[in-house]
Amino acid sequence: MNGFAKTKDSYQEVGAVQLSLAYLAMLTWVMAQPRADTTATARQFTVVMTEGHGSARELTVAVLSNEHPLD
Protein backbone atom coordinates (compact mmCIF):
# COMPACT_ATOMS: atom_id res chain seq x y z
CA MET A 1 0.00 0.00 0.00
CA ASN A 2 3.00 2.24 0.19
CA GLY A 3 2.72 2.39 -3.60
CA PHE A 4 -0.51 4.38 -3.25
CA ALA A 5 1.08 6.80 -0.82
CA LYS A 6 4.05 7.36 -3.11
CA THR A 7 2.11 7.74 -6.35
CA LYS A 8 -1.18 9.33 -5.22
CA ASP A 9 0.09 12.89 -5.68
CA SER A 10 1.46 12.01 -9.13
CA TYR A 11 -2.00 10.97 -10.35
CA GLN A 12 -4.09 14.06 -9.58
CA GLU A 13 -6.08 13.86 -12.83
CA VAL A 14 -9.48 12.21 -12.41
CA GLY A 15 -9.16 8.47 -13.03
CA ALA A 16 -5.40 8.56 -13.63
CA VAL A 17 -4.67 6.64 -10.41
CA GLN A 18 -6.23 3.60 -12.11
CA LEU A 19 -3.16 3.48 -14.35
CA SER A 20 -0.75 3.07 -11.44
CA LEU A 21 0.88 -0.27 -10.71
CA ALA A 22 -0.34 -0.07 -7.10
CA TYR A 23 -3.98 0.26 -8.23
CA LEU A 24 -3.68 -2.54 -10.78
CA ALA A 25 -2.04 -4.85 -8.24
CA MET A 26 -4.80 -4.21 -5.69
CA LEU A 27 -7.50 -4.65 -8.33
CA THR A 28 -6.00 -7.97 -9.41
CA TRP A 29 -6.00 -9.21 -5.82
CA VAL A 30 -9.56 -7.98 -5.12
CA MET A 31 -10.97 -9.55 -8.29
CA ALA A 32 -9.28 -12.89 -7.54
CA GLN A 33 -11.10 -13.29 -4.20
CA PRO A 34 -13.96 -15.81 -4.11
CA ARG A 35 -17.50 -14.43 -4.30
CA ALA A 36 -19.19 -14.38 -0.91
CA ASP A 37 -22.44 -13.19 -2.50
CA THR A 38 -23.41 -15.07 -5.65
CA THR A 39 -25.76 -12.25 -6.70
CA ALA A 40 -22.98 -9.63 -6.74
CA THR A 41 -22.29 -8.16 -10.17
CA ALA A 42 -19.31 -5.89 -9.39
CA ARG A 43 -16.63 -5.14 -6.83
CA GLN A 44 -15.31 -1.90 -5.43
CA PHE A 45 -12.49 -1.31 -2.97
CA THR A 46 -11.01 1.48 -0.91
CA VAL A 47 -7.60 2.09 0.58
CA VAL A 48 -7.72 3.80 3.96
CA MET A 49 -4.64 5.42 5.48
CA THR A 50 -4.26 5.84 9.23
CA GLU A 51 -2.19 8.27 11.23
CA GLY A 52 -1.76 8.52 14.97
CA HIS A 53 -2.74 6.23 17.83
CA GLY A 54 -5.66 5.77 20.18
CA SER A 55 -8.17 8.62 20.31
CA ALA A 56 -5.87 10.78 18.14
CA ARG A 57 -6.01 8.25 15.29
CA GLU A 58 -7.18 9.74 12.01
CA LEU A 59 -8.48 7.80 9.00
CA THR A 60 -8.26 9.13 5.45
CA VAL A 61 -9.61 7.54 2.29
CA ALA A 62 -6.61 7.47 -0.04
CA VAL A 63 -8.26 5.68 -2.96
CA LEU A 64 -11.84 4.76 -3.76
CA SER A 65 -12.03 2.53 -6.81
CA ASN A 66 -14.68 2.49 -9.47
CA GLU A 67 -17.01 -0.47 -9.60
CA HIS A 68 -15.46 -3.32 -11.59
CA PRO A 69 -17.81 -5.90 -13.19
CA LEU A 70 -17.29 -9.48 -12.08
CA ASP A 71 -18.12 -11.01 -15.45
C-alpha atoms as a PDB file:
ATOM      1  CA  MET A   1       0.000   0.000   0.000  1.00  0.00           C
ATOM      2  CA  ASN A   2       2.999   2.237   0.192  1.00  0.00           C
ATOM      3  CA  GLY A   3       2.716   2.393  -3.596  1.00  0.00           C
ATOM      4  CA  PHE A   4      -0.508   4.378  -3.246  1.00  0.00           C
ATOM      5  CA  ALA A   5       1.078   6.795  -0.818  1.00  0.00           C
ATOM      6  CA  LYS A   6       4.049   7.359  -3.111  1.00  0.00           C
ATOM      7  CA  THR A   7       2.107   7.745  -6.347  1.00  0.00           C
ATOM      8  CA  LYS A   8      -1.176   9.328  -5.224  1.00  0.00           C
ATOM      9  CA  ASP A   9       0.088  12.886  -5.681  1.00  0.00           C
ATOM     10  CA  SER A  10       1.457  12.014  -9.131  1.00  0.00           C
ATOM     11  CA  TYR A  11      -2.002  10.975 -10.352  1.00  0.00           C
ATOM     12  CA  GLN A  12      -4.091  14.063  -9.580  1.00  0.00           C
ATOM     13  CA  GLU A  13      -6.084  13.859 -12.830  1.00  0.00           C
ATOM     14  CA  VAL A  14      -9.477  12.210 -12.408  1.00  0.00           C
ATOM     15  CA  GLY A  15      -9.162   8.471 -13.028  1.00  0.00           C
ATOM     16  CA  ALA A  16      -5.405   8.558 -13.629  1.00  0.00           C
ATOM     17  CA  VAL A  17      -4.671   6.639 -10.406  1.00  0.00           C
ATOM     18  CA  GLN A  18      -6.227   3.599 -12.110  1.00  0.00           C
ATOM     19  CA  LEU A  19      -3.161   3.484 -14.347  1.00  0.00           C
ATOM     20  CA  SER A  20      -0.747   3.066 -11.442  1.00  0.00           C
ATOM     21  CA  LEU A  21       0.880  -0.266 -10.710  1.00  0.00           C
ATOM     22  CA  ALA A  22      -0.339  -0.071  -7.104  1.00  0.00           C
ATOM     23  CA  TYR A  23      -3.982   0.256  -8.228  1.00  0.00           C
ATOM     24  CA  LEU A  24      -3.684  -2.536 -10.777  1.00  0.00           C
ATOM     25  CA  ALA A  25      -2.035  -4.849  -8.243  1.00  0.00           C
ATOM     26  CA  MET A  26      -4.795  -4.211  -5.693  1.00  0.00           C
ATOM     27  CA  LEU A  27      -7.501  -4.648  -8.330  1.00  0.00           C
ATOM     28  CA  THR A  28      -5.998  -7.973  -9.414  1.00  0.00           C
ATOM     29  CA  TRP A  29      -6.000  -9.208  -5.822  1.00  0.00           C
ATOM     30  CA  VAL A  30      -9.556  -7.980  -5.123  1.00  0.00           C
ATOM     31  CA  MET A  31     -10.971  -9.545  -8.286  1.00  0.00           C
ATOM     32  CA  ALA A  32      -9.280 -12.888  -7.539  1.00  0.00           C
ATOM     33  CA  GLN A  33     -11.102 -13.290  -4.202  1.00  0.00           C
ATOM     34  CA  PRO A  34     -13.964 -15.811  -4.115  1.00  0.00           C
ATOM     35  CA  ARG A  35     -17.496 -14.434  -4.299  1.00  0.00           C
ATOM     36  CA  ALA A  36     -19.189 -14.383  -0.910  1.00  0.00           C
ATOM     37  CA  ASP A  37     -22.440 -13.185  -2.500  1.00  0.00           C
ATOM     38  CA  THR A  38     -23.414 -15.068  -5.653  1.00  0.00           C
ATOM     39  CA  THR A  39     -25.760 -12.251  -6.703  1.00  0.00           C
ATOM     40  CA  ALA A  40     -22.984  -9.632  -6.739  1.00  0.00           C
ATOM     41  CA  THR A  41     -22.290  -8.161 -10.167  1.00  0.00           C
ATOM     42  CA  ALA A  42     -19.315  -5.889  -9.386  1.00  0.00           C
ATOM     43  CA  ARG A  43     -16.635  -5.135  -6.830  1.00  0.00           C
ATOM     44  CA  GLN A  44     -15.306  -1.896  -5.431  1.00  0.00           C
ATOM     45  CA  PHE A  45     -12.486  -1.314  -2.973  1.00  0.00           C
ATOM     46  CA  THR A  46     -11.012   1.478  -0.906  1.00  0.00           C
ATOM     47  CA  VAL A  47      -7.596   2.087   0.576  1.00  0.00           C
ATOM     48  CA  VAL A  48      -7.719   3.803   3.955  1.00  0.00           C
ATOM     49  CA  MET A  49      -4.643   5.423   5.476  1.00  0.00           C
ATOM     50  CA  THR A  50      -4.263   5.840   9.227  1.00  0.00           C
ATOM     51  CA  GLU A  51      -2.192   8.267  11.232  1.00  0.00           C
ATOM     52  CA  GLY A  52      -1.761   8.519  14.971  1.00  0.00           C
ATOM     53  CA  HIS A  53      -2.737   6.228  17.830  1.00  0.00           C
ATOM     54  CA  GLY A  54      -5.662   5.774  20.180  1.00  0.00           C
ATOM     55  CA  SER A  55      -8.174   8.622  20.313  1.00  0.00           C
ATOM     56  CA  ALA A  56      -5.870  10.780  18.139  1.00  0.00           C
ATOM     57  CA  ARG A  57      -6.008   8.254  15.292  1.00  0.00           C
ATOM     58  CA  GLU A  58      -7.181   9.740  12.008  1.00  0.00           C
ATOM     59  CA  LEU A  59      -8.475   7.800   9.003  1.00  0.00           C
ATOM     60  CA  THR A  60      -8.261   9.134   5.453  1.00  0.00           C
ATOM     61  CA  VAL A  61      -9.612   7.545   2.286  1.00  0.00           C
ATOM     62  CA  ALA A  62      -6.612   7.472  -0.036  1.00  0.00           C
ATOM     63  CA  VAL A  63      -8.260   5.684  -2.962  1.00  0.00           C
ATOM     64  CA  LEU A  64     -11.844   4.760  -3.760  1.00  0.00           C
ATOM     65  CA  SER A  65     -12.027   2.528  -6.810  1.00  0.00           C
ATOM     66  CA  ASN A  66     -14.681   2.495  -9.472  1.00  0.00           C
ATOM     67  CA  GLU A  67     -17.015  -0.473  -9.601  1.00  0.00           C
ATOM     68  CA  HIS A  68     -15.462  -3.321 -11.592  1.00  0.00           C
ATOM     69  CA  PRO A  69     -17.809  -5.897 -13.190  1.00  0.00           C
ATOM     70  CA  LEU A  70     -17.294  -9.479 -12.079  1.00  0.00           C
ATOM     71  CA  ASP A  71     -18.124 -11.013 -15.447  1.00  0.00           C
END
